[in-house]
Amino acid sequence: TQDQDLRDLFTPFGQVNRVYLAKDKVTNTSKGFGFITFNDKKDAQKAIDCVSGFGYDHLILKVEWAK
């Protein structure tokens, strides 16, 4: 996936400030996780509630608060 794919997926829940997709430094391929930063905490919670468990491409997404 690409940064814009994640932005497009999460924007319906609120204003997205930042999208960070972790990539391998050598191959530049996705490591399978990323971080989405919203302007508003309630928008982030709405995204977690709606997208976690959602099928995307050939994966099932796990969306949770960053630790």
Protein backbone atom coordinates (compact mmCIF):
# COMPACT_ATOMS: atom_id res chain seq x y z
CA THR A 1 0.00 0.00 0.00
CA GLN A 2 1.00 3.63 -0.35
CA ASP A 3 0.63 6.66 1.95
CA GLN A 4 -2.17 8.06 -0.21
CA ASP A 5 -4.10 4.77 0.01
CA LEU A 6 -4.14 5.07 3.80
CA ARG A 7 -5.03 8.76 3.65
CA ASP A 8 -7.97 7.94 1.36
CA LEU A 9 -9.11 5.15 3.68
CA PHE A 10 -9.02 7.25 6.87
CA THR A 11 -10.05 10.73 5.65
CA PRO A 12 -13.80 9.95 5.81
CA PHE A 13 -13.48 9.78 9.61
CA GLY A 14 -11.99 13.26 10.05
CA GLN A 15 -9.12 15.52 9.13
CA VAL A 16 -5.90 13.53 8.86
CA ASN A 17 -2.76 15.43 9.89
CA ARG A 18 -0.14 12.86 9.04
CA VAL A 19 0.24 9.45 7.48
CA TYR A 20 3.39 7.45 8.17
CA LEU A 21 3.81 4.12 6.45
CA ALA A 22 6.77 2.12 7.80
CA LYS A 23 9.01 0.97 4.95
CA ASP A 24 12.10 -1.21 4.71
CA LYS A 25 15.15 1.03 4.19
CA VAL A 26 16.73 -1.30 1.66
CA THR A 27 13.78 -2.48 -0.44
CA ASN A 28 11.44 0.49 0.24
CA THR A 29 8.55 -1.96 0.64
CA SER A 30 5.92 -1.61 3.34
CA LYS A 31 6.65 -3.33 6.67
CA GLY A 32 2.93 -3.91 7.18
CA PHE A 33 2.15 -1.14 9.64
CA GLY A 34 1.77 2.60 9.75
CA PHE A 35 0.51 5.50 11.85
CA ILE A 36 -2.36 7.87 11.11
CA THR A 37 -2.57 11.14 13.07
CA PHE A 38 -5.93 12.90 13.26
CA ASN A 39 -6.66 16.48 14.35
CA ASP A 40 -9.31 15.28 16.77
CA LYS A 41 -9.18 12.33 19.16
CA LYS A 42 -12.87 11.50 18.59
CA ASP A 43 -12.19 11.12 14.86
CA ALA A 44 -9.37 8.69 15.65
CA GLN A 45 -11.69 6.68 17.88
CA LYS A 46 -14.33 6.60 15.14
CA ALA A 47 -11.70 5.27 12.70
CA ILE A 48 -10.64 2.58 15.18
CA ASP A 49 -14.25 1.54 15.72
CA CYS A 50 -15.09 1.40 12.01
CA VAL A 51 -11.90 0.17 10.32
CA SER A 52 -10.48 -2.41 12.72
CA GLY A 53 -11.35 -5.82 11.32
CA PHE A 54 -12.07 -4.29 7.90
CA GLY A 55 -10.84 -6.21 4.86
CA TYR A 56 -8.41 -4.16 2.81
CA ASP A 57 -6.70 -5.58 -0.28
CA HIS A 58 -5.83 -9.11 0.90
CA LEU A 59 -5.47 -8.18 4.59
CA ILE A 60 -7.66 -7.72 7.65
CA LEU A 61 -6.75 -4.43 9.31
CA LYS A 62 -5.98 -4.14 13.00
CA VAL A 63 -6.44 -0.51 14.06
CA GLU A 64 -5.60 0.57 17.60
CA TRP A 65 -4.15 3.40 19.63
CA ALA A 66 -0.36 3.73 19.33
CA LYS A 67 1.50 2.54 22.41
